[in-house]
Amino acid sequence: MSGRQFVLLSLNGISFGALLFLLSSGFTLIFGLMRIVNLAHGSFYLLGGYVGLTLMQGGQSFWVAMIGGALAIAILGFVVERGLLLRVRGRTMPEVLLTVGLSLIFADLALARWGGDPILLDRPSQFAGTVELSGVTYPEFRLLVLGLGILLAALMWILQSRTRIGAIIRAGVDDREMVSALGINVNAVFTGVFVFGALLAGMTGVIGGVFLSLYPGADGEILNFALVVVILGGLGDLRGAIVGSLLVGLIDSFGRSLTPSLSYFLLFAPMALILIFRPRGLFGRATVD
């Protein structure tokens, strides 16, 4: 492998990891706090991208489309959590089946509304060029995604470690019953975290529409990556989301380039090993239900 190829694959892996972090940071909080695998999270991503596409087709800028996609899916997340998930809270199988059913419904609605052809969203004009890095010509937009990932990680670290709501979320991940016994409205915390995760998924969908394109089945593919990130990193831990996203991004980048026939094996084999030797993930902690 040449030096330029190594740099290119590393940049691709890190930027893809940043995209995964934008999606998985909210997903791992939902998983860690609410103890459910929201299998509709990938559909939130895809629908957010399609909302952004509709806004851009209407003449809006990428930035307006990104905000619009995020807000639309945040509203959808609020409706889903308060209208549906709240009614089956604490019952694992109904929660999982409900989110699976929602993902199928959303996928069919998206196919009926936007069709089945892959669609690549236009990059924002401010980041449509390329830059030279270590002899490699690289798209500015991918560096923007990396910057957004770093910014979100910093903001979430401040939120979790320096604010009261962050302390409540951390305590809720460790022991929900104790948080409830202290008089904190756990249902409101659950709703807030779920809506925040949906907002991030909608925003990431618009970014992913530029990064990867939008097409039927993209929801399932991105959800698989998010699940691997959560399992590798651990439930509800920001460090786990960061490290897991970078690992998955780099493994996918190098695996697809060097051993395409084994790319999925290289991705899911570490997940299997983590489940065997450290079921709580790299940074996960024991929780109290």
C-alpha atoms as a PDB file:
ATOM      1  CA  MET A   1       0.000   0.000   0.000  1.00  0.00           C
ATOM      2  CA  SER A   2       1.365   3.387  -0.967  1.00  0.00           C
ATOM      3  CA  GLY A   3       1.531   6.308   1.437  1.00  0.00           C
ATOM      4  CA  ARG A   4      -1.086   8.246  -0.535  1.00  0.00           C
ATOM      5  CA  GLN A   5      -3.494   5.318  -0.498  1.00  0.00           C
ATOM      6  CA  PHE A   6      -3.054   4.951   3.256  1.00  0.00           C
ATOM      7  CA  VAL A   7      -3.776   8.649   3.805  1.00  0.00           C
ATOM      8  CA  LEU A   8      -6.822   8.513   1.530  1.00  0.00           C
ATOM      9  CA  LEU A   9      -8.278   5.427   3.196  1.00  0.00           C
ATOM     10  CA  SER A  10      -7.607   6.886   6.642  1.00  0.00           C
ATOM     11  CA  LEU A  11      -9.352  10.141   5.748  1.00  0.00           C
ATOM     12  CA  ASN A  12     -12.290   8.232   4.272  1.00  0.00           C
ATOM     13  CA  GLY A  13     -12.560   6.083   7.388  1.00  0.00           C
ATOM     14  CA  ILE A  14     -12.347   9.006   9.802  1.00  0.00           C
ATOM     15  CA  SER A  15     -14.879  11.115   7.880  1.00  0.00           C
ATOM     16  CA  PHE A  16     -17.276   8.161   7.623  1.00  0.00           C
ATOM     17  CA  GLY A  17     -16.743   7.582  11.330  1.00  0.00           C
ATOM     18  CA  ALA A  18     -17.729  11.209  11.951  1.00  0.00           C
ATOM     19  CA  LEU A  19     -20.942  10.642  10.001  1.00  0.00           C
ATOM     20  CA  LEU A  20     -21.644   7.515  12.048  1.00  0.00           C
ATOM     21  CA  PHE A  21     -21.021   9.446  15.252  1.00  0.00           C
ATOM     22  CA  LEU A  22     -23.572  12.086  14.250  1.00  0.00           C
ATOM     23  CA  LEU A  23     -26.121   9.287  13.927  1.00  0.00           C
ATOM     24  CA  SER A  24     -24.987   6.956  16.702  1.00  0.00           C
ATOM     25  CA  SER A  25     -24.469   9.481  19.499  1.00  0.00           C
ATOM     26  CA  GLY A  26     -28.225   9.920  19.898  1.00  0.00           C
ATOM     27  CA  PHE A  27     -28.887   6.254  19.190  1.00  0.00           C
ATOM     28  CA  THR A  28     -26.581   5.045  21.962  1.00  0.00           C
ATOM     29  CA  LEU A  29     -28.237   7.405  24.475  1.00  0.00           C
ATOM     30  CA  ILE A  30     -31.668   6.043  23.549  1.00  0.00           C
ATOM     31  CA  PHE A  31     -30.371   2.488  23.772  1.00  0.00           C
ATOM     32  CA  GLY A  32     -28.571   3.092  27.060  1.00  0.00           C
ATOM     33  CA  LEU A  33     -31.283   5.087  28.815  1.00  0.00           C
ATOM     34  CA  MET A  34     -34.471   3.471  27.518  1.00  0.00           C
ATOM     35  CA  ARG A  35     -33.077  -0.077  27.115  1.00  0.00           C
ATOM     36  CA  ILE A  36     -34.638  -0.502  23.690  1.00  0.00           C
ATOM     37  CA  VAL A  37     -33.087  -0.892  20.276  1.00  0.00           C
ATOM     38  CA  ASN A  38     -34.945   1.709  18.239  1.00  0.00           C
ATOM     39  CA  LEU A  39     -34.967  -0.136  14.927  1.00  0.00           C
ATOM     40  CA  ALA A  40     -36.762   2.827  13.342  1.00  0.00           C
ATOM     41  CA  HIS A  41     -33.656   4.998  13.844  1.00  0.00           C
ATOM     42  CA  GLY A  42     -32.401   4.182  10.346  1.00  0.00           C
ATOM     43  CA  SER A  43     -35.771   5.236   8.933  1.00  0.00           C
ATOM     44  CA  PHE A  44     -35.489   8.540  10.802  1.00  0.00           C
ATOM     45  CA  TYR A  45     -32.158   9.012   9.017  1.00  0.00           C
ATOM     46  CA  LEU A  46     -33.615   8.246   5.585  1.00  0.00           C
ATOM     47  CA  LEU A  47     -36.755  10.348   6.063  1.00  0.00           C
ATOM     48  CA  GLY A  48     -34.653  13.275   7.271  1.00  0.00           C
ATOM     49  CA  GLY A  49     -32.611  13.047   4.099  1.00  0.00           C
ATOM     50  CA  TYR A  50     -35.723  12.993   1.931  1.00  0.00           C
ATOM     51  CA  VAL A  51     -37.193  15.996   3.765  1.00  0.00           C
ATOM     52  CA  GLY A  52     -33.938  17.821   3.058  1.00  0.00           C
ATOM     53  CA  LEU A  53     -34.152  16.753  -0.591  1.00  0.00           C
ATOM     54  CA  THR A  54     -37.671  18.173  -0.863  1.00  0.00           C
ATOM     55  CA  LEU A  55     -36.563  21.496   0.620  1.00  0.00           C
ATOM     56  CA  MET A  56     -33.582  21.705  -1.723  1.00  0.00           C
ATOM     57  CA  GLN A  57     -35.797  20.932  -4.710  1.00  0.00           C
ATOM     58  CA  GLY A  58     -37.944  23.839  -3.545  1.00  0.00           C
ATOM     59  CA  GLY A  59     -34.976  26.196  -3.833  1.00  0.00           C
ATOM     60  CA  GLN A  60     -33.723  26.142  -0.243  1.00  0.00           C
ATOM     61  CA  SER A  61     -30.030  25.974   0.638  1.00  0.00           C
ATOM     62  CA  PHE A  62     -28.298  22.922   2.068  1.00  0.00           C
ATOM     63  CA  TRP A  63     -28.209  24.532   5.512  1.00  0.00           C
ATOM     64  CA  VAL A  64     -31.960  25.213   5.540  1.00  0.00           C
ATOM     65  CA  ALA A  65     -32.547  21.658   4.304  1.00  0.00           C
ATOM     66  CA  MET A  66     -30.364  20.247   7.097  1.00  0.00           C
ATOM     67  CA  ILE A  67     -32.195  22.206   9.781  1.00  0.00           C
ATOM     68  CA  GLY A  68     -35.578  21.400   8.231  1.00  0.00           C
ATOM     69  CA  GLY A  69     -34.817  17.686   8.071  1.00  0.00           C
ATOM     70  CA  ALA A  70     -33.637  17.695  11.683  1.00  0.00           C
ATOM     71  CA  LEU A  71     -36.715  19.538  12.990  1.00  0.00           C
ATOM     72  CA  ALA A  72     -39.167  17.435  10.963  1.00  0.00           C
ATOM     73  CA  ILE A  73     -37.758  14.179  12.317  1.00  0.00           C
ATOM     74  CA  ALA A  74     -37.596  15.603  15.851  1.00  0.00           C
ATOM     75  CA  ILE A  75     -41.341  16.239  15.638  1.00  0.00           C
ATOM     76  CA  LEU A  76     -41.877  12.749  14.236  1.00  0.00           C
ATOM     77  CA  GLY A  77     -39.770  11.319  17.074  1.00  0.00           C
ATOM     78  CA  PHE A  78     -41.898  13.159  19.639  1.00  0.00           C
ATOM     79  CA  VAL A  79     -45.098  11.747  18.124  1.00  0.00           C
ATOM     80  CA  VAL A  80     -43.674   8.208  17.994  1.00  0.00           C
ATOM     81  CA  GLU A  81     -42.363   8.289  21.562  1.00  0.00           C
ATOM     82  CA  ARG A  82     -45.372   9.911  23.228  1.00  0.00           C
ATOM     83  CA  GLY A  83     -48.038   8.360  21.044  1.00  0.00           C
ATOM     84  CA  LEU A  84     -46.729   4.810  20.630  1.00  0.00           C
ATOM     85  CA  LEU A  85     -43.625   3.822  22.587  1.00  0.00           C
ATOM     86  CA  LEU A  86     -44.964   5.259  25.840  1.00  0.00           C
ATOM     87  CA  ARG A  87     -47.817   2.748  25.708  1.00  0.00           C
ATOM     88  CA  VAL A  88     -45.492  -0.267  25.595  1.00  0.00           C
ATOM     89  CA  ARG A  89     -42.650   1.046  27.775  1.00  0.00           C
ATOM     90  CA  GLY A  90     -40.875  -1.620  29.787  1.00  0.00           C
ATOM     91  CA  ARG A  91     -42.024  -4.482  27.529  1.00  0.00           C
ATOM     92  CA  THR A  92     -39.028  -5.364  25.388  1.00  0.00           C
ATOM     93  CA  MET A  93     -40.634  -7.457  22.670  1.00  0.00           C
ATOM     94  CA  PRO A  94     -43.534  -5.058  21.942  1.00  0.00           C
ATOM     95  CA  GLU A  95     -41.064  -2.159  21.825  1.00  0.00           C
ATOM     96  CA  VAL A  96     -38.822  -3.933  19.336  1.00  0.00           C
ATOM     97  CA  LEU A  97     -41.711  -5.158  17.182  1.00  0.00           C
ATOM     98  CA  LEU A  98     -43.241  -1.683  17.187  1.00  0.00           C
ATOM     99  CA  THR A  99     -40.040  -0.021  15.974  1.00  0.00           C
ATOM    100  CA  VAL A 100     -39.567  -2.741  13.327  1.00  0.00           C
ATOM    101  CA  GLY A 101     -43.118  -2.157  12.098  1.00  0.00           C
ATOM    102  CA  LEU A 102     -42.576   1.604  12.012  1.00  0.00           C
ATOM    103  CA  SER A 103     -39.375   1.187  10.007  1.00  0.00           C
ATOM    104  CA  LEU A 104     -41.224  -0.897   7.404  1.00  0.00           C
ATOM    105  CA  ILE A 105     -44.065   1.624   7.199  1.00  0.00           C
ATOM    106  CA  PHE A 106     -41.691   4.569   6.850  1.00  0.00           C
ATOM    107  CA  ALA A 107     -39.678   2.725   4.179  1.00  0.00           C
ATOM    108  CA  ASP A 108     -42.810   2.061   2.083  1.00  0.00           C
ATOM    109  CA  LEU A 109     -44.027   5.640   2.477  1.00  0.00           C
ATOM    110  CA  ALA A 110     -40.629   6.965   1.396  1.00  0.00           C
ATOM    111  CA  LEU A 111     -40.591   4.647  -1.622  1.00  0.00           C
ATOM    112  CA  ALA A 112     -44.080   5.766  -2.641  1.00  0.00           C
ATOM    113  CA  ARG A 113     -43.272   9.467  -2.230  1.00  0.00           C
ATOM    114  CA  TRP A 114     -39.696   9.747  -3.524  1.00  0.00           C
ATOM    115  CA  GLY A 115     -39.278   6.668  -5.712  1.00  0.00           C
ATOM    116  CA  GLY A 116     -36.598   4.001  -5.793  1.00  0.00           C
ATOM    117  CA  ASP A 117     -33.752   5.694  -7.663  1.00  0.00           C
ATOM    118  CA  PRO A 118     -30.583   6.663  -5.748  1.00  0.00           C
ATOM    119  CA  ILE A 119     -30.417  10.429  -5.253  1.00  0.00           C
ATOM    120  CA  LEU A 120     -27.269  12.371  -4.408  1.00  0.00           C
ATOM    121  CA  LEU A 121     -27.883  15.735  -2.773  1.00  0.00           C
ATOM    122  CA  ASP A 122     -25.888  18.766  -3.872  1.00  0.00           C
ATOM    123  CA  ARG A 123     -23.015  19.860  -1.680  1.00  0.00           C
ATOM    124  CA  PRO A 124     -23.210  23.332  -0.158  1.00  0.00           C
ATOM    125  CA  SER A 125     -21.471  25.799  -2.443  1.00  0.00           C
ATOM    126  CA  GLN A 126     -19.099  26.888   0.338  1.00  0.00           C
ATOM    127  CA  PHE A 127     -17.722  23.331   0.582  1.00  0.00           C
ATOM    128  CA  ALA A 128     -17.954  22.136  -3.012  1.00  0.00           C
ATOM    129  CA  GLY A 129     -14.221  22.240  -3.698  1.00  0.00           C
ATOM    130  CA  THR A 130     -11.214  20.129  -2.761  1.00  0.00           C
ATOM    131  CA  VAL A 131      -8.081  20.607  -0.684  1.00  0.00           C
ATOM    132  CA  GLU A 132      -4.615  19.085  -0.827  1.00  0.00           C
ATOM    133  CA  LEU A 133      -3.671  16.952   2.217  1.00  0.00           C
ATOM    134  CA  SER A 134      -0.379  15.033   2.285  1.00  0.00           C
ATOM    135  CA  GLY A 135      -0.378  14.767  -1.477  1.00  0.00           C
ATOM    136  CA  VAL A 136      -4.019  13.666  -1.612  1.00  0.00           C
ATOM    137  CA  THR A 137      -6.790  15.753  -3.170  1.00  0.00           C
ATOM    138  CA  TYR A 138      -9.726  15.502  -0.808  1.00  0.00           C
ATOM    139  CA  PRO A 139     -13.315  16.891  -0.875  1.00  0.00           C
ATOM    140  CA  GLU A 140     -13.920  19.808   1.463  1.00  0.00           C
ATOM    141  CA  PHE A 141     -17.388  18.472   2.326  1.00  0.00           C
ATOM    142  CA  ARG A 142     -15.963  15.355   3.968  1.00  0.00           C
ATOM    143  CA  LEU A 143     -13.763  17.575   6.113  1.00  0.00           C
ATOM    144  CA  LEU A 144     -16.899  19.559   7.014  1.00  0.00           C
ATOM    145  CA  VAL A 145     -18.529  16.327   8.216  1.00  0.00           C
ATOM    146  CA  LEU A 146     -15.456  15.632  10.338  1.00  0.00           C
ATOM    147  CA  GLY A 147     -15.672  19.135  11.795  1.00  0.00           C
ATOM    148  CA  LEU A 148     -19.370  18.701  12.592  1.00  0.00           C
ATOM    149  CA  GLY A 149     -18.610  15.421  14.339  1.00  0.00           C
ATOM    150  CA  ILE A 150     -15.930  17.056  16.485  1.00  0.00           C
ATOM    151  CA  LEU A 151     -18.248  19.969  17.297  1.00  0.00           C
ATOM    152  CA  LEU A 152     -21.092  17.649  18.309  1.00  0.00           C
ATOM    153  CA  ALA A 153     -18.741  15.555  20.464  1.00  0.00           C
ATOM    154  CA  ALA A 154     -17.584  18.694  22.290  1.00  0.00           C
ATOM    155  CA  LEU A 155     -21.134  19.947  22.818  1.00  0.00           C
ATOM    156  CA  MET A 156     -22.342  16.571  24.061  1.00  0.00           C
ATOM    157  CA  TRP A 157     -19.378  16.287  26.431  1.00  0.00           C
ATOM    158  CA  ILE A 158     -20.280  19.673  27.919  1.00  0.00           C
ATOM    159  CA  LEU A 159     -23.939  18.656  28.122  1.00  0.00           C
ATOM    160  CA  GLN A 160     -23.224  15.346  29.841  1.00  0.00           C
ATOM    161  CA  SER A 161     -20.456  16.430  32.200  1.00  0.00           C
ATOM    162  CA  ARG A 162     -21.275  20.065  33.010  1.00  0.00           C
ATOM    163  CA  THR A 163     -25.060  20.335  33.150  1.00  0.00           C
ATOM    164  CA  ARG A 164     -27.819  19.057  35.417  1.00  0.00           C
ATOM    165  CA  ILE A 165     -29.663  17.345  32.581  1.00  0.00           C
ATOM    166  CA  GLY A 166     -26.448  15.535  31.701  1.00  0.00           C
ATOM    167  CA  ALA A 167     -26.122  14.295  35.271  1.00  0.00           C
ATOM    168  CA  ILE A 168     -29.729  13.068  35.160  1.00  0.00           C
ATOM    169  CA  ILE A 169     -29.097  11.219  31.903  1.00  0.00           C
ATOM    170  CA  ARG A 170     -25.933   9.586  33.264  1.00  0.00           C
ATOM    171  CA  ALA A 171     -27.765   8.545  36.417  1.00  0.00           C
ATOM    172  CA  GLY A 172     -30.675   7.245  34.355  1.00  0.00           C
ATOM    173  CA  VAL A 173     -28.351   5.063  32.293  1.00  0.00           C
ATOM    174  CA  ASP A 174     -26.938   3.528  35.504  1.00  0.00           C
ATOM    175  CA  ASP A 175     -30.089   3.259  37.627  1.00  0.00           C
ATOM    176  CA  ARG A 176     -33.458   4.420  36.322  1.00  0.00           C
ATOM    177  CA  GLU A 177     -35.327   3.407  39.467  1.00  0.00           C
ATOM    178  CA  MET A 178     -33.159   5.610  41.670  1.00  0.00           C
ATOM    179  CA  VAL A 179     -33.664   8.610  39.366  1.00  0.00           C
ATOM    180  CA  SER A 180     -37.422   8.098  39.504  1.00  0.00           C
ATOM    181  CA  ALA A 181     -37.307   7.757  43.302  1.00  0.00           C
ATOM    182  CA  LEU A 182     -35.630  11.178  43.523  1.00  0.00           C
ATOM    183  CA  GLY A 183     -38.766  12.755  42.078  1.00  0.00           C
ATOM    184  CA  ILE A 184     -37.414  13.328  38.573  1.00  0.00           C
ATOM    185  CA  ASN A 185     -39.927  12.909  35.753  1.00  0.00           C
ATOM    186  CA  VAL A 186     -38.272   9.974  33.990  1.00  0.00           C
ATOM    187  CA  ASN A 187     -40.858   9.946  31.201  1.00  0.00           C
ATOM    188  CA  ALA A 188     -39.983  13.549  30.313  1.00  0.00           C
ATOM    189  CA  VAL A 189     -36.271  12.665  30.299  1.00  0.00           C
ATOM    190  CA  PHE A 190     -36.957   9.682  28.059  1.00  0.00           C
ATOM    191  CA  THR A 191     -38.939  11.832  25.650  1.00  0.00           C
ATOM    192  CA  GLY A 192     -36.258  14.520  25.533  1.00  0.00           C
ATOM    193  CA  VAL A 193     -33.497  12.021  24.799  1.00  0.00           C
ATOM    194  CA  PHE A 194     -35.586  10.249  22.161  1.00  0.00           C
ATOM    195  CA  VAL A 195     -36.434  13.526  20.412  1.00  0.00           C
ATOM    196  CA  PHE A 196     -32.782  14.610  20.547  1.00  0.00           C
ATOM    197  CA  GLY A 197     -31.708  11.320  18.984  1.00  0.00           C
ATOM    198  CA  ALA A 198     -34.350  11.680  16.262  1.00  0.00           C
ATOM    199  CA  LEU A 199     -33.215  15.252  15.562  1.00  0.00           C
ATOM    200  CA  LEU A 200     -29.628  14.073  15.084  1.00  0.00           C
ATOM    201  CA  ALA A 201     -30.818  11.250  12.824  1.00  0.00           C
ATOM    202  CA  GLY A 202     -32.771  13.676  10.637  1.00  0.00           C
ATOM    203  CA  MET A 203     -29.808  16.050  10.390  1.00  0.00           C
ATOM    204  CA  THR A 204     -27.454  13.171   9.580  1.00  0.00           C
ATOM    205  CA  GLY A 205     -29.821  11.984   6.858  1.00  0.00           C
ATOM    206  CA  VAL A 206     -29.385  15.252   4.946  1.00  0.00           C
ATOM    207  CA  ILE A 207     -25.610  15.113   5.394  1.00  0.00           C
ATOM    208  CA  GLY A 208     -25.609  11.454   4.386  1.00  0.00           C
ATOM    209  CA  GLY A 209     -27.580  12.338   1.264  1.00  0.00           C
ATOM    210  CA  VAL A 210     -24.550  14.318   0.116  1.00  0.00           C
ATOM    211  CA  PHE A 211     -22.025  11.868   1.535  1.00  0.00           C
ATOM    212  CA  LEU A 212     -23.553   8.521   0.471  1.00  0.00           C
ATOM    213  CA  SER A 213     -26.784   9.340  -1.473  1.00  0.00           C
ATOM    214  CA  LEU A 214     -30.377   8.411  -0.579  1.00  0.00           C
ATOM    215  CA  TYR A 215     -32.011   5.189  -1.786  1.00  0.00           C
ATOM    216  CA  PRO A 216     -34.389   2.473  -0.554  1.00  0.00           C
ATOM    217  CA  GLY A 217     -32.484   0.262   1.848  1.00  0.00           C
ATOM    218  CA  ALA A 218     -30.111   2.996   3.036  1.00  0.00           C
ATOM    219  CA  ASP A 219     -32.005   3.025   6.338  1.00  0.00           C
ATOM    220  CA  GLY A 220     -31.204  -0.627   7.029  1.00  0.00           C
ATOM    221  CA  GLU A 221     -27.565  -0.289   5.997  1.00  0.00           C
ATOM    222  CA  ILE A 222     -26.869   2.732   8.173  1.00  0.00           C
ATOM    223  CA  LEU A 223     -28.734   1.118  11.083  1.00  0.00           C
ATOM    224  CA  ASN A 224     -26.433  -1.908  10.896  1.00  0.00           C
ATOM    225  CA  PHE A 225     -23.415   0.366  11.224  1.00  0.00           C
ATOM    226  CA  ALA A 226     -25.021   2.211  14.151  1.00  0.00           C
ATOM    227  CA  LEU A 227     -25.726  -1.067  15.944  1.00  0.00           C
ATOM    228  CA  VAL A 228     -22.101  -2.139  15.579  1.00  0.00           C
ATOM    229  CA  VAL A 229     -20.967   1.239  16.952  1.00  0.00           C
ATOM    230  CA  VAL A 230     -23.217   0.868  20.005  1.00  0.00           C
ATOM    231  CA  ILE A 231     -22.127  -2.710  20.691  1.00  0.00           C
ATOM    232  CA  LEU A 232     -18.434  -1.890  20.324  1.00  0.00           C
ATOM    233  CA  GLY A 233     -18.545   1.325  22.336  1.00  0.00           C
ATOM    234  CA  GLY A 234     -21.067   0.494  25.039  1.00  0.00           C
ATOM    235  CA  LEU A 235     -24.477   1.792  26.052  1.00  0.00           C
ATOM    236  CA  GLY A 236     -25.013   5.449  26.776  1.00  0.00           C
ATOM    237  CA  ASP A 237     -21.323   6.398  26.819  1.00  0.00           C
ATOM    238  CA  LEU A 238     -20.035   9.301  24.732  1.00  0.00           C
ATOM    239  CA  ARG A 239     -16.502   7.915  24.641  1.00  0.00           C
ATOM    240  CA  GLY A 240     -17.860   4.625  23.368  1.00  0.00           C
ATOM    241  CA  ALA A 241     -19.787   6.358  20.584  1.00  0.00           C
ATOM    242  CA  ILE A 242     -16.645   8.248  19.508  1.00  0.00           C
ATOM    243  CA  VAL A 243     -14.277   5.279  19.609  1.00  0.00           C
ATOM    244  CA  GLY A 244     -16.845   2.876  18.138  1.00  0.00           C
ATOM    245  CA  SER A 245     -17.621   5.237  15.243  1.00  0.00           C
ATOM    246  CA  LEU A 246     -13.945   5.717  14.395  1.00  0.00           C
ATOM    247  CA  LEU A 247     -13.246   1.975  14.579  1.00  0.00           C
ATOM    248  CA  VAL A 248     -16.199   1.104  12.364  1.00  0.00           C
ATOM    249  CA  GLY A 249     -15.355   3.861   9.881  1.00  0.00           C
ATOM    250  CA  LEU A 250     -11.716   2.799   9.551  1.00  0.00           C
ATOM    251  CA  ILE A 251     -12.503  -0.920   9.399  1.00  0.00           C
ATOM    252  CA  ASP A 252     -15.087  -0.306   6.687  1.00  0.00           C
ATOM    253  CA  SER A 253     -12.777   1.944   4.663  1.00  0.00           C
ATOM    254  CA  PHE A 254      -9.742  -0.331   4.720  1.00  0.00           C
ATOM    255  CA  GLY A 255     -11.807  -3.504   4.479  1.00  0.00           C
ATOM    256  CA  ARG A 256     -13.709  -2.433   1.361  1.00  0.00           C
ATOM    257  CA  SER A 257     -10.491  -1.354  -0.343  1.00  0.00           C
ATOM    258  CA  LEU A 258      -8.089  -4.144   0.620  1.00  0.00           C
ATOM    259  CA  THR A 259     -10.356  -7.193   1.024  1.00  0.00           C
ATOM    260  CA  PRO A 260     -13.783  -6.403  -0.494  1.00  0.00           C
ATOM    261  CA  SER A 261     -14.986  -9.994  -0.183  1.00  0.00           C
ATOM    262  CA  LEU A 262     -14.298  -9.955   3.576  1.00  0.00           C
ATOM    263  CA  SER A 263     -15.395  -6.398   4.365  1.00  0.00           C
ATOM    264  CA  TYR A 264     -18.480  -7.445   6.333  1.00  0.00           C
ATOM    265  CA  PHE A 265     -16.552 -10.178   8.143  1.00  0.00           C
ATOM    266  CA  LEU A 266     -13.954  -7.616   9.229  1.00  0.00           C
ATOM    267  CA  LEU A 267     -16.744  -5.334  10.438  1.00  0.00           C
ATOM    268  CA  PHE A 268     -18.835  -7.838  12.366  1.00  0.00           C
ATOM    269  CA  ALA A 269     -16.037 -10.100  13.678  1.00  0.00           C
ATOM    270  CA  PRO A 270     -14.856  -7.467  16.217  1.00  0.00           C
ATOM    271  CA  MET A 271     -18.469  -7.057  17.315  1.00  0.00           C
ATOM    272  CA  ALA A 272     -18.741 -10.798  17.949  1.00  0.00           C
ATOM    273  CA  LEU A 273     -15.515 -10.779  19.962  1.00  0.00           C
ATOM    274  CA  ILE A 274     -16.706  -7.839  22.048  1.00  0.00           C
ATOM    275  CA  LEU A 275     -19.977  -9.657  22.777  1.00  0.00           C
ATOM    276  CA  ILE A 276     -18.024 -12.719  23.916  1.00  0.00           C
ATOM    277  CA  PHE A 277     -15.339 -11.098  26.073  1.00  0.00           C
ATOM    278  CA  ARG A 278     -16.897  -7.767  27.082  1.00  0.00           C
ATOM    279  CA  PRO A 279     -20.675  -7.835  26.535  1.00  0.00           C
ATOM    280  CA  ARG A 280     -21.127  -4.271  27.865  1.00  0.00           C
ATOM    281  CA  GLY A 281     -18.814  -2.855  25.166  1.00  0.00           C
ATOM    282  CA  LEU A 282     -15.453  -1.120  25.441  1.00  0.00           C
ATOM    283  CA  PHE A 283     -16.723   1.649  27.722  1.00  0.00           C
ATOM    284  CA  GLY A 284     -20.005   0.210  28.895  1.00  0.00           C
ATOM    285  CA  ARG A 285     -20.803  -0.205  32.574  1.00  0.00           C
ATOM    286  CA  ALA A 286     -23.097  -2.525  34.458  1.00  0.00           C
ATOM    287  CA  THR A 287     -26.607  -1.097  34.678  1.00  0.00           C
ATOM    288  CA  VAL A 288     -29.413  -1.533  37.163  1.00  0.00           C
ATOM    289  CA  ASP A 289     -32.877  -2.175  35.717  1.00  0.00           C
END
